[in-house]
Amino acid sequence: MDRDLYGIQVEVEQFEVLINHPETAEGTFQRFFEEHPHFLGDLQSPLPLSHVRLEHASGLYILDFILKPIVAYQRDTNWRVLDLKRPNAPLLAGPANHVRLSHDVTQAIAQLRDYGDYFQNPENAQRIVDALGHRLKYPELAVLIGRLRDTDPELLNKAQSRERDVRIVTYDEILQHQQHLIT
């Protein structure tokens, strides 16, 4: 989809209003990204699959997004499971000399690791093929959470380096990427 500078500016302003309002619900962000999937993309222009339902022995996982790559979709690591959390969730906790990821972030990481375990379990292989039309065992795991403006990036990098299996993405990073398109 082609986007002109005016259209990008309008979308960026809409996104900014959402992330700056502390009561914006996760479902509102889900709908925004469904309507504006390019906000979740990078150079591979992934196809966002929303609310993917995966059955498991004790229930059902409903994943916010699976980003299916358009290029080299056969490689599992080009796929991304993205879980949405709120932008007002804190990223870090603790004193500066013992900073750690916040409870919100560690809870999201645990959830994503459960999803990762699901994909790696051979018992789920056919369910995954049925849901996605493709075998998928090792997708990248990521959570969209919090604001970078409220955090020391160096401390976040340090904390992120301890959790290499789940990528932490902030709403400000999404915003900055889109703003870059109009400058």
Foldseek 3Di string as FASTA:
>chain_A
DDDDLVRLVVLLVVLVVQQVDQPRDQVNVLVSCVVVVCLVDDPQSWDWDAQQWFADDVGIDGFGTKTQGPPPSQDQQVIEGEHEDHQADDQWDDDPVDIAGDPVVVVLLVVQVVVLVLLQDPVRQVSCCVRPVHRHRQYQYEYEYYDCVVDDVVSSVVNCVVVVRYHYHYSVNSSVVSVVVND
